[in-house]
């Protein structure tokens, strides 16, 4: 049986290459923090769904995400390396694998493709401050351009979603000063509940979900603006992914796709939304939760379309 969320080694490696005006209408729990893709507070990252917060140095600046799985990246602006280090990267990926398998997966790949001399400094089970299990590992390796790096990788899970918190440094072993940021993740259950959205937005999402189940790439892509861009992926690249990638909804033969919105804020002809899709492919034993992914939608010719996460 084909597993639609088997590990993509290329994506897994990219997770660690951090070393390489209208009146706003908001639907959100009273008093809850807005996700960082709507309103960024220096030193604090707020994820949409899953709902969690994470701290990082206040003088670090937000960077453009470097891979499809990345949710957030911040780095020391004084760094002379590209990508800048030290940095902190948050990535998420649907996967059935346990949280303790990643060193076995990544080390052989790093040694043959993206770097050399990869060594595991340590790899051990631990807990987040609220008691949620996590796996804590540190890698030492040399990037292909010769830069020696250490990566601290904290791996935890929300439902079927793996969450990776990665700190990279070119100053040797990761110290407690940096480690505390990766370990600061705190889940917020009060922001997990569904919220109401305007009827035309609900109709748009329902149509999109129906188009996904149809498996028709043209129908699916009609829901995306020509200006769409998400983590450096434009509309043409996304269409190619839908048509040919083994893990796309079309190739998985999705039979169920339903959108639940947990954050919504309208601003003129655009709106911010986040939440999750309940998705089931032909080979899935049960529905999976997939993040909507900090999206903007835009109204073009009186129709809502996905705009991505660019400004």
C-alpha atoms as a PDB file:
ATOM      1  CA  UNK A   1       0.000   0.000   0.000  1.00  0.00           C
ATOM      2  CA  UNK A   2       1.303   3.409  -0.956  1.00  0.00           C
ATOM      3  CA  UNK A   3       1.846   5.799   1.952  1.00  0.00           C
ATOM      4  CA  UNK A   4       0.941   9.340   0.767  1.00  0.00           C
ATOM      5  CA  UNK A   5       3.108  10.901   3.437  1.00  0.00           C
ATOM      6  CA  UNK A   6       6.251   8.842   3.149  1.00  0.00           C
ATOM      7  CA  UNK A   7       9.424  10.792   3.825  1.00  0.00           C
ATOM      8  CA  UNK A   8      10.794  13.041   1.115  1.00  0.00           C
ATOM      9  CA  UNK A   9      14.522  13.177   1.856  1.00  0.00           C
ATOM     10  CA  UNK A  10      14.996  16.343  -0.143  1.00  0.00           C
ATOM     11  CA  UNK A  11      12.341  18.163   1.882  1.00  0.00           C
ATOM     12  CA  UNK A  12      13.736  16.722   5.103  1.00  0.00           C
ATOM     13  CA  UNK A  13      17.179  18.017   4.272  1.00  0.00           C
ATOM     14  CA  UNK A  14      15.853  21.463   3.406  1.00  0.00           C
ATOM     15  CA  UNK A  15      14.431  21.664   6.911  1.00  0.00           C
ATOM     16  CA  UNK A  16      17.947  21.745   8.324  1.00  0.00           C
ATOM     17  CA  UNK A  17      19.645  23.868   5.677  1.00  0.00           C
ATOM     18  CA  UNK A  18      19.020  26.965   7.774  1.00  0.00           C
ATOM     19  CA  UNK A  19      22.746  26.935   7.664  1.00  0.00           C
ATOM     20  CA  UNK A  20      22.465  27.143   3.718  1.00  0.00           C
ATOM     21  CA  UNK A  21      -8.151  50.180   3.864  1.00  0.00           C
ATOM     22  CA  UNK A  22     -11.433  49.076   5.038  1.00  0.00           C
ATOM     23  CA  UNK A  23     -12.465  48.409   8.585  1.00  0.00           C
ATOM     24  CA  UNK A  24     -10.955  45.069   9.505  1.00  0.00           C
ATOM     25  CA  UNK A  25     -13.374  42.256  10.213  1.00  0.00           C
ATOM     26  CA  UNK A  26     -11.814  39.741  12.582  1.00  0.00           C
ATOM     27  CA  UNK A  27     -13.068  36.335  13.676  1.00  0.00           C
ATOM     28  CA  UNK A  28     -10.817  35.150  16.474  1.00  0.00           C
ATOM     29  CA  UNK A  29     -11.245  34.220  20.139  1.00  0.00           C
ATOM     30  CA  UNK A  30     -11.488  37.306  22.326  1.00  0.00           C
ATOM     31  CA  UNK A  31      -8.086  38.365  23.644  1.00  0.00           C
ATOM     32  CA  UNK A  32      -6.173  35.838  21.567  1.00  0.00           C
ATOM     33  CA  UNK A  33      -2.960  36.887  19.843  1.00  0.00           C
ATOM     34  CA  UNK A  34      -3.032  37.405  16.102  1.00  0.00           C
ATOM     35  CA  UNK A  35      -0.854  35.021  14.081  1.00  0.00           C
ATOM     36  CA  UNK A  36       2.485  36.478  13.042  1.00  0.00           C
ATOM     37  CA  UNK A  37       1.620  36.364   9.349  1.00  0.00           C
ATOM     38  CA  UNK A  38      -0.959  39.082  10.124  1.00  0.00           C
ATOM     39  CA  UNK A  39       0.852  41.070  12.810  1.00  0.00           C
ATOM     40  CA  UNK A  40       4.463  40.303  13.716  1.00  0.00           C
ATOM     41  CA  UNK A  41       5.759  41.186  17.173  1.00  0.00           C
ATOM     42  CA  UNK A  42       9.589  41.172  17.302  1.00  0.00           C
ATOM     43  CA  UNK A  43      10.778  38.345  19.507  1.00  0.00           C
ATOM     44  CA  UNK A  44       7.535  36.358  19.415  1.00  0.00           C
ATOM     45  CA  UNK A  45       6.195  34.036  16.734  1.00  0.00           C
ATOM     46  CA  UNK A  46       2.478  33.132  16.818  1.00  0.00           C
ATOM     47  CA  UNK A  47       1.428  30.279  14.525  1.00  0.00           C
ATOM     48  CA  UNK A  48      -2.069  30.117  13.052  1.00  0.00           C
ATOM     49  CA  UNK A  49      -2.778  26.375  13.042  1.00  0.00           C
ATOM     50  CA  UNK A  50      -1.646  24.439  14.932  1.00  0.00           C
ATOM     51  CA  UNK A  51      -1.978  27.207  17.518  1.00  0.00           C
ATOM     52  CA  UNK A  52       1.327  27.772  19.289  1.00  0.00           C
ATOM     53  CA  UNK A  53       3.775  30.511  20.241  1.00  0.00           C
ATOM     54  CA  UNK A  54       7.558  30.585  20.217  1.00  0.00           C
ATOM     55  CA  UNK A  55      10.082  33.209  21.337  1.00  0.00           C
ATOM     56  CA  UNK A  56      13.310  34.278  19.599  1.00  0.00           C
ATOM     57  CA  UNK A  57      15.824  37.143  20.074  1.00  0.00           C
ATOM     58  CA  UNK A  58      14.060  40.495  19.663  1.00  0.00           C
ATOM     59  CA  UNK A  59      16.844  41.925  17.511  1.00  0.00           C
ATOM     60  CA  UNK A  60      16.626  39.103  14.973  1.00  0.00           C
ATOM     61  CA  UNK A  61      14.754  39.882  11.759  1.00  0.00           C
ATOM     62  CA  UNK A  62      12.260  37.821   9.787  1.00  0.00           C
ATOM     63  CA  UNK A  63      13.677  36.143   6.673  1.00  0.00           C
ATOM     64  CA  UNK A  64      11.997  34.786   3.560  1.00  0.00           C
ATOM     65  CA  UNK A  65      11.237  31.063   4.109  1.00  0.00           C
ATOM     66  CA  UNK A  66      13.705  28.875   2.238  1.00  0.00           C
ATOM     67  CA  UNK A  67      11.649  25.744   1.524  1.00  0.00           C
ATOM     68  CA  UNK A  68       8.004  24.677   1.026  1.00  0.00           C
ATOM     69  CA  UNK A  69       7.755  23.221   4.519  1.00  0.00           C
ATOM     70  CA  UNK A  70       8.974  26.330   6.308  1.00  0.00           C
ATOM     71  CA  UNK A  71       6.506  28.386   8.324  1.00  0.00           C
ATOM     72  CA  UNK A  72       8.861  30.984   9.791  1.00  0.00           C
ATOM     73  CA  UNK A  73      12.525  31.968   9.712  1.00  0.00           C
ATOM     74  CA  UNK A  74      14.326  34.627  11.755  1.00  0.00           C
ATOM     75  CA  UNK A  75      18.055  35.393  11.838  1.00  0.00           C
ATOM     76  CA  UNK A  76      20.701  37.666  13.315  1.00  0.00           C
ATOM     77  CA  UNK A  77      20.901  40.652  10.915  1.00  0.00           C
ATOM     78  CA  UNK A  78      24.582  41.150  11.756  1.00  0.00           C
ATOM     79  CA  UNK A  79      25.507  37.816  10.175  1.00  0.00           C
ATOM     80  CA  UNK A  80      27.747  37.940   7.095  1.00  0.00           C
ATOM     81  CA  UNK A  81      26.818  34.455   5.848  1.00  0.00           C
ATOM     82  CA  UNK A  82      24.004  33.600   3.448  1.00  0.00           C
ATOM     83  CA  UNK A  83      21.646  32.212   4.609  1.00  0.00           C
ATOM     84  CA  UNK A  84      22.248  34.193   7.809  1.00  0.00           C
ATOM     85  CA  UNK A  85      23.307  32.328  10.948  1.00  0.00           C
ATOM     86  CA  UNK A  86      22.593  32.092  13.779  1.00  0.00           C
ATOM     87  CA  UNK A  87      18.953  31.591  12.872  1.00  0.00           C
ATOM     88  CA  UNK A  88      15.760  29.869  13.942  1.00  0.00           C
ATOM     89  CA  UNK A  89      13.500  28.018  11.507  1.00  0.00           C
ATOM     90  CA  UNK A  90      10.043  26.531  12.083  1.00  0.00           C
ATOM     91  CA  UNK A  91       8.911  23.831   9.659  1.00  0.00           C
ATOM     92  CA  UNK A  92       5.945  21.477   9.553  1.00  0.00           C
ATOM     93  CA  UNK A  93       5.340  18.298   7.578  1.00  0.00           C
ATOM     94  CA  UNK A  94       2.567  15.676   7.639  1.00  0.00           C
ATOM     95  CA  UNK A  95       4.142  12.313   8.413  1.00  0.00           C
ATOM     96  CA  UNK A  96       3.303   9.075  10.239  1.00  0.00           C
ATOM     97  CA  UNK A  97       6.924   8.652  11.374  1.00  0.00           C
ATOM     98  CA  UNK A  98       7.706   8.852  15.083  1.00  0.00           C
ATOM     99  CA  UNK A  99       9.542  11.908  16.346  1.00  0.00           C
ATOM    100  CA  UNK A 100      12.716   9.962  17.168  1.00  0.00           C
ATOM    101  CA  UNK A 101      13.650   8.733  13.672  1.00  0.00           C
ATOM    102  CA  UNK A 102      15.101  11.844  12.116  1.00  0.00           C
ATOM    103  CA  UNK A 103      18.807  11.454  12.832  1.00  0.00           C
ATOM    104  CA  UNK A 104      18.771   8.059  11.101  1.00  0.00           C
ATOM    105  CA  UNK A 105      17.045   9.597   8.090  1.00  0.00           C
ATOM    106  CA  UNK A 106      19.050  12.788   7.724  1.00  0.00           C
ATOM    107  CA  UNK A 107      22.677  11.837   8.397  1.00  0.00           C
ATOM    108  CA  UNK A 108      23.187   9.593   5.324  1.00  0.00           C
ATOM    109  CA  UNK A 109      21.549  12.164   3.074  1.00  0.00           C
ATOM    110  CA  UNK A 110      23.596  15.074   4.436  1.00  0.00           C
ATOM    111  CA  UNK A 111      26.814  13.143   3.941  1.00  0.00           C
ATOM    112  CA  UNK A 112      26.113  12.500   0.259  1.00  0.00           C
ATOM    113  CA  UNK A 113      24.126  15.501  -1.000  1.00  0.00           C
ATOM    114  CA  UNK A 114      24.238  18.770   0.966  1.00  0.00           C
ATOM    115  CA  UNK A 115      27.369  18.505   3.069  1.00  0.00           C
ATOM    116  CA  UNK A 116      29.958  16.258   4.665  1.00  0.00           C
ATOM    117  CA  UNK A 117      31.386  15.118   7.985  1.00  0.00           C
ATOM    118  CA  UNK A 118      27.987  14.932   9.640  1.00  0.00           C
ATOM    119  CA  UNK A 119      28.141  13.920  13.289  1.00  0.00           C
ATOM    120  CA  UNK A 120      25.391  13.534  15.867  1.00  0.00           C
ATOM    121  CA  UNK A 121      26.437  15.407  18.999  1.00  0.00           C
ATOM    122  CA  UNK A 122      23.495  13.905  20.909  1.00  0.00           C
ATOM    123  CA  UNK A 123      19.973  12.640  20.256  1.00  0.00           C
ATOM    124  CA  UNK A 124      17.582  12.106  23.169  1.00  0.00           C
ATOM    125  CA  UNK A 125      13.909  12.196  24.149  1.00  0.00           C
ATOM    126  CA  UNK A 126      12.769  15.149  26.222  1.00  0.00           C
ATOM    127  CA  UNK A 127       9.699  17.278  26.957  1.00  0.00           C
ATOM    128  CA  UNK A 128       8.458  20.751  26.216  1.00  0.00           C
ATOM    129  CA  UNK A 129       7.782  22.901  29.288  1.00  0.00           C
ATOM    130  CA  UNK A 130       4.117  21.822  29.322  1.00  0.00           C
ATOM    131  CA  UNK A 131       5.082  18.136  29.325  1.00  0.00           C
ATOM    132  CA  UNK A 132       4.480  17.391  25.633  1.00  0.00           C
ATOM    133  CA  UNK A 133       7.008  14.828  24.292  1.00  0.00           C
ATOM    134  CA  UNK A 134       9.764  16.084  22.021  1.00  0.00           C
ATOM    135  CA  UNK A 135      12.975  14.691  20.560  1.00  0.00           C
ATOM    136  CA  UNK A 136      16.072  16.830  20.978  1.00  0.00           C
ATOM    137  CA  UNK A 137      19.091  16.330  18.731  1.00  0.00           C
ATOM    138  CA  UNK A 138      22.167  18.291  17.736  1.00  0.00           C
ATOM    139  CA  UNK A 139      24.068  17.819  14.472  1.00  0.00           C
ATOM    140  CA  UNK A 140      27.538  19.016  13.578  1.00  0.00           C
ATOM    141  CA  UNK A 141      28.343  19.156   9.881  1.00  0.00           C
ATOM    142  CA  UNK A 142      30.171  20.998   7.111  1.00  0.00           C
ATOM    143  CA  UNK A 143      28.101  22.608   4.390  1.00  0.00           C
ATOM    144  CA  UNK A 144      29.168  22.167   0.772  1.00  0.00           C
ATOM    145  CA  UNK A 145      30.540  25.723   0.726  1.00  0.00           C
ATOM    146  CA  UNK A 146      32.855  24.857   3.635  1.00  0.00           C
ATOM    147  CA  UNK A 147      30.948  26.541   6.468  1.00  0.00           C
ATOM    148  CA  UNK A 148      30.942  24.444   9.642  1.00  0.00           C
ATOM    149  CA  UNK A 149      27.571  24.451  11.400  1.00  0.00           C
ATOM    150  CA  UNK A 150      25.754  23.077  14.396  1.00  0.00           C
ATOM    151  CA  UNK A 151      21.993  22.495  14.205  1.00  0.00           C
ATOM    152  CA  UNK A 152      19.753  21.926  17.202  1.00  0.00           C
ATOM    153  CA  UNK A 153      16.583  20.137  16.085  1.00  0.00           C
ATOM    154  CA  UNK A 154      13.534  19.919  18.340  1.00  0.00           C
ATOM    155  CA  UNK A 155      10.843  17.615  16.921  1.00  0.00           C
ATOM    156  CA  UNK A 156       7.327  17.343  18.305  1.00  0.00           C
ATOM    157  CA  UNK A 157       3.913  16.375  16.982  1.00  0.00           C
ATOM    158  CA  UNK A 158       0.397  17.796  16.685  1.00  0.00           C
ATOM    159  CA  UNK A 159      -2.044  15.151  15.428  1.00  0.00           C
ATOM    160  CA  UNK A 160      -0.461  13.779  12.217  1.00  0.00           C
ATOM    161  CA  UNK A 161       1.751  16.863  11.797  1.00  0.00           C
ATOM    162  CA  UNK A 162       5.446  16.898  12.682  1.00  0.00           C
ATOM    163  CA  UNK A 163       6.740  20.265  13.907  1.00  0.00           C
ATOM    164  CA  UNK A 164      10.459  20.995  13.623  1.00  0.00           C
ATOM    165  CA  UNK A 165      12.159  23.816  15.535  1.00  0.00           C
ATOM    166  CA  UNK A 166      15.672  24.276  14.180  1.00  0.00           C
ATOM    167  CA  UNK A 167      18.414  26.563  15.504  1.00  0.00           C
ATOM    168  CA  UNK A 168      21.583  26.921  13.404  1.00  0.00           C
ATOM    169  CA  UNK A 169      24.893  28.401  14.554  1.00  0.00           C
ATOM    170  CA  UNK A 170      28.401  28.732  13.122  1.00  0.00           C
ATOM    171  CA  UNK A 171      29.896  29.271  16.599  1.00  0.00           C
ATOM    172  CA  UNK A 172      30.163  25.640  17.673  1.00  0.00           C
ATOM    173  CA  UNK A 173      27.942  23.690  20.058  1.00  0.00           C
ATOM    174  CA  UNK A 174      24.493  25.195  20.595  1.00  0.00           C
ATOM    175  CA  UNK A 175      24.400  26.912  23.995  1.00  0.00           C
ATOM    176  CA  UNK A 176      21.556  27.312  26.456  1.00  0.00           C
ATOM    177  CA  UNK A 177      21.107  30.906  25.259  1.00  0.00           C
ATOM    178  CA  UNK A 178      19.885  29.638  21.860  1.00  0.00           C
ATOM    179  CA  UNK A 179      18.395  26.349  23.010  1.00  0.00           C
ATOM    180  CA  UNK A 180      15.848  28.122  25.222  1.00  0.00           C
ATOM    181  CA  UNK A 181      14.188  29.645  22.151  1.00  0.00           C
ATOM    182  CA  UNK A 182      13.638  26.331  20.378  1.00  0.00           C
ATOM    183  CA  UNK A 183      12.274  24.877  23.613  1.00  0.00           C
ATOM    184  CA  UNK A 184       9.884  27.784  24.220  1.00  0.00           C
ATOM    185  CA  UNK A 185       7.107  26.359  22.006  1.00  0.00           C
ATOM    186  CA  UNK A 186       3.767  26.519  23.820  1.00  0.00           C
ATOM    187  CA  UNK A 187       0.530  25.131  22.358  1.00  0.00           C
ATOM    188  CA  UNK A 188      -2.625  27.259  22.828  1.00  0.00           C
ATOM    189  CA  UNK A 189      -5.813  25.219  22.847  1.00  0.00           C
ATOM    190  CA  UNK A 190      -7.994  28.345  23.109  1.00  0.00           C
ATOM    191  CA  UNK A 191      -7.138  29.209  19.494  1.00  0.00           C
ATOM    192  CA  UNK A 192      -8.025  25.805  18.010  1.00  0.00           C
ATOM    193  CA  UNK A 193     -11.802  26.267  17.757  1.00  0.00           C
ATOM    194  CA  UNK A 194     -13.530  26.961  14.395  1.00  0.00           C
ATOM    195  CA  UNK A 195     -14.584  30.536  13.653  1.00  0.00           C
ATOM    196  CA  UNK A 196     -17.305  31.872  11.360  1.00  0.00           C
ATOM    197  CA  UNK A 197     -16.367  33.396   8.018  1.00  0.00           C
ATOM    198  CA  UNK A 198     -18.453  35.479   5.580  1.00  0.00           C
ATOM    199  CA  UNK A 199     -20.771  33.434   3.382  1.00  0.00           C
ATOM    200  CA  UNK A 200     -18.864  34.213   0.174  1.00  0.00           C
ATOM    201  CA  UNK A 201     -15.600  33.037   1.761  1.00  0.00           C
ATOM    202  CA  UNK A 202     -17.301  29.847   2.931  1.00  0.00           C
ATOM    203  CA  UNK A 203     -18.633  29.284  -0.595  1.00  0.00           C
ATOM    204  CA  UNK A 204     -15.140  29.810  -2.010  1.00  0.00           C
ATOM    205  CA  UNK A 205     -13.578  27.304   0.377  1.00  0.00           C
ATOM    206  CA  UNK A 206     -16.308  24.731  -0.243  1.00  0.00           C
ATOM    207  CA  UNK A 207     -15.840  25.100  -4.014  1.00  0.00           C
ATOM    208  CA  UNK A 208     -12.074  24.706  -3.657  1.00  0.00           C
ATOM    209  CA  UNK A 209     -12.500  21.544  -1.600  1.00  0.00           C
ATOM    210  CA  UNK A 210     -14.919  20.150  -4.181  1.00  0.00           C
ATOM    211  CA  UNK A 211     -12.435  20.938  -6.956  1.00  0.00           C
ATOM    212  CA  UNK A 212      -9.670  19.138  -5.041  1.00  0.00           C
ATOM    213  CA  UNK A 213     -11.823  16.002  -4.790  1.00  0.00           C
ATOM    214  CA  UNK A 214     -12.564  16.233  -8.525  1.00  0.00           C
ATOM    215  CA  UNK A 215      -8.881  15.718  -9.305  1.00  0.00           C
ATOM    216  CA  UNK A 216      -9.138  18.221 -12.159  1.00  0.00           C
ATOM    217  CA  UNK A 217      -6.014  20.408 -12.166  1.00  0.00           C
ATOM    218  CA  UNK A 218      -7.600  23.190 -14.240  1.00  0.00           C
ATOM    219  CA  UNK A 219     -10.537  23.480 -11.846  1.00  0.00           C
ATOM    220  CA  UNK A 220      -8.174  23.489  -8.870  1.00  0.00           C
ATOM    221  CA  UNK A 221      -5.878  26.171 -10.279  1.00  0.00           C
ATOM    222  CA  UNK A 222      -8.808  28.456 -11.130  1.00  0.00           C
ATOM    223  CA  UNK A 223      -8.978  29.084  -7.371  1.00  0.00           C
ATOM    224  CA  UNK A 224      -5.518  30.689  -7.376  1.00  0.00           C
ATOM    225  CA  UNK A 225      -4.675  34.273  -8.299  1.00  0.00           C
ATOM    226  CA  UNK A 226      -2.121  34.779 -11.059  1.00  0.00           C
ATOM    227  CA  UNK A 227      -0.235  36.769  -8.381  1.00  0.00           C
ATOM    228  CA  UNK A 228      -0.098  33.758  -6.045  1.00  0.00           C
ATOM    229  CA  UNK A 229       3.196  33.179  -4.217  1.00  0.00           C
ATOM    230  CA  UNK A 230       3.780  30.929  -1.181  1.00  0.00           C
ATOM    231  CA  UNK A 231       7.317  30.409   0.149  1.00  0.00           C
ATOM    232  CA  UNK A 232       8.845  31.175  -3.276  1.00  0.00           C
ATOM    233  CA  UNK A 233       6.367  28.891  -5.072  1.00  0.00           C
ATOM    234  CA  UNK A 234       4.368  30.676  -7.780  1.00  0.00           C
ATOM    235  CA  UNK A 235       1.182  29.551  -9.508  1.00  0.00           C
ATOM    236  CA  UNK A 236       2.930  27.710 -12.353  1.00  0.00           C
ATOM    237  CA  UNK A 237       5.145  25.796  -9.917  1.00  0.00           C
ATOM    238  CA  UNK A 238       2.144  24.912  -7.773  1.00  0.00           C
ATOM    239  CA  UNK A 239       0.237  23.608 -10.791  1.00  0.00           C
ATOM    240  CA  UNK A 240       3.166  21.383 -11.711  1.00  0.00           C
ATOM    241  CA  UNK A 241       3.156  20.047  -8.142  1.00  0.00           C
ATOM    242  CA  UNK A 242      -0.577  19.274  -8.290  1.00  0.00           C
ATOM    243  CA  UNK A 243      -0.225  17.474 -11.618  1.00  0.00           C
ATOM    244  CA  UNK A 244       2.878  15.385 -11.018  1.00  0.00           C
ATOM    245  CA  UNK A 245       3.976  15.108  -7.386  1.00  0.00           C
ATOM    246  CA  UNK A 246       3.372  11.744  -5.734  1.00  0.00           C
ATOM    247  CA  UNK A 247       2.004  13.433  -2.592  1.00  0.00           C
ATOM    248  CA  UNK A 248      -0.358  15.931  -4.247  1.00  0.00           C
ATOM    249  CA  UNK A 249      -4.138  15.517  -3.694  1.00  0.00           C
ATOM    250  CA  UNK A 250      -4.562  14.505  -7.338  1.00  0.00           C
ATOM    251  CA  UNK A 251      -1.990  11.719  -7.144  1.00  0.00           C
ATOM    252  CA  UNK A 252      -3.241  10.611  -3.716  1.00  0.00           C
ATOM    253  CA  UNK A 253      -6.760  10.242  -5.070  1.00  0.00           C
ATOM    254  CA  UNK A 254      -8.346  12.421  -2.387  1.00  0.00           C
ATOM    255  CA  UNK A 255     -11.934  11.420  -1.605  1.00  0.00           C
ATOM    256  CA  UNK A 256     -12.515  13.847   1.291  1.00  0.00           C
ATOM    257  CA  UNK A 257     -11.342  17.444   1.612  1.00  0.00           C
ATOM    258  CA  UNK A 258     -13.023  19.827   4.073  1.00  0.00           C
ATOM    259  CA  UNK A 259     -11.803  23.207   5.352  1.00  0.00           C
ATOM    260  CA  UNK A 260     -12.040  24.306   8.988  1.00  0.00           C
ATOM    261  CA  UNK A 261     -11.062  27.935   9.642  1.00  0.00           C
ATOM    262  CA  UNK A 262      -9.608  28.803  13.051  1.00  0.00           C
ATOM    263  CA  UNK A 263      -8.506  32.366  12.222  1.00  0.00           C
ATOM    264  CA  UNK A 264     -10.004  34.920   9.843  1.00  0.00           C
ATOM    265  CA  UNK A 265      -9.423  38.636   9.317  1.00  0.00           C
ATOM    266  CA  UNK A 266     -10.697  40.658   6.347  1.00  0.00           C
ATOM    267  CA  UNK A 267      -8.859  43.779   5.206  1.00  0.00           C
ATOM    268  CA  UNK A 268     -10.411  45.426   2.163  1.00  0.00           C
ATOM    269  CA  UNK A 269     -10.124  43.216  -0.927  1.00  0.00           C
ATOM    270  CA  UNK A 270      -7.873  40.767   0.929  1.00  0.00           C
ATOM    271  CA  UNK A 271      -8.316  38.507   3.932  1.00  0.00           C
ATOM    272  CA  UNK A 272      -6.063  36.404   6.131  1.00  0.00           C
ATOM    273  CA  UNK A 273      -7.080  32.897   7.126  1.00  0.00           C
ATOM    274  CA  UNK A 274      -5.655  29.803   8.733  1.00  0.00           C
ATOM    275  CA  UNK A 275      -6.952  26.476   9.972  1.00  0.00           C
ATOM    276  CA  UNK A 276      -6.827  22.961   8.606  1.00  0.00           C
ATOM    277  CA  UNK A 277      -8.201  20.612   5.984  1.00  0.00           C
ATOM    278  CA  UNK A 278      -9.615  17.204   6.850  1.00  0.00           C
ATOM    279  CA  UNK A 279      -8.226  15.110   4.022  1.00  0.00           C
ATOM    280  CA  UNK A 280      -8.513  11.447   3.105  1.00  0.00           C
ATOM    281  CA  UNK A 281      -6.816   9.766   0.175  1.00  0.00           C
ATOM    282  CA  UNK A 282      -7.709   6.429  -1.336  1.00  0.00           C
ATOM    283  CA  UNK A 283      -4.955   4.681   0.652  1.00  0.00           C
ATOM    284  CA  UNK A 284      -5.404   6.543   3.952  1.00  0.00           C
ATOM    285  CA  UNK A 285      -6.771   4.531   6.854  1.00  0.00           C
ATOM    286  CA  UNK A 286      -8.413   7.627   8.348  1.00  0.00           C
ATOM    287  CA  UNK A 287      -8.731  11.362   7.621  1.00  0.00           C
ATOM    288  CA  UNK A 288      -5.634  13.492   8.176  1.00  0.00           C
ATOM    289  CA  UNK A 289      -5.385  17.102   9.303  1.00  0.00           C
ATOM    290  CA  UNK A 290      -3.375  19.293   6.928  1.00  0.00           C
ATOM    291  CA  UNK A 291      -2.662  22.974   7.713  1.00  0.00           C
ATOM    292  CA  UNK A 292      -4.249  25.599   5.480  1.00  0.00           C
ATOM    293  CA  UNK A 293      -0.949  27.367   5.967  1.00  0.00           C
ATOM    294  CA  UNK A 294      -1.213  31.086   6.798  1.00  0.00           C
ATOM    295  CA  UNK A 295      -2.926  32.083   3.581  1.00  0.00           C
ATOM    296  CA  UNK A 296      -4.100  35.351   2.149  1.00  0.00           C
ATOM    297  CA  UNK A 297      -7.050  35.376  -0.207  1.00  0.00           C
ATOM    298  CA  UNK A 298      -7.821  38.216  -2.575  1.00  0.00           C
ATOM    299  CA  UNK A 299     -11.029  39.281  -4.311  1.00  0.00           C
ATOM    300  CA  UNK A 300     -10.518  39.561  -8.069  1.00  0.00           C
ATOM    301  CA  UNK A 301     -13.484  40.322 -10.345  1.00  0.00           C
ATOM    302  CA  UNK A 302     -15.735  39.729  -7.343  1.00  0.00           C
ATOM    303  CA  UNK A 303     -14.331  36.243  -6.749  1.00  0.00           C
ATOM    304  CA  UNK A 304     -12.093  35.116  -3.906  1.00  0.00           C
ATOM    305  CA  UNK A 305      -8.805  33.455  -4.874  1.00  0.00           C
ATOM    306  CA  UNK A 306      -5.745  32.244  -2.976  1.00  0.00           C
ATOM    307  CA  UNK A 307      -2.998  34.879  -2.905  1.00  0.00           C
ATOM    308  CA  UNK A 308      -0.332  33.111  -0.821  1.00  0.00           C
ATOM    309  CA  UNK A 309       1.766  34.505   2.011  1.00  0.00           C
ATOM    310  CA  UNK A 310       3.569  37.363   0.286  1.00  0.00           C
ATOM    311  CA  UNK A 311       2.771  41.017   0.955  1.00  0.00           C
END
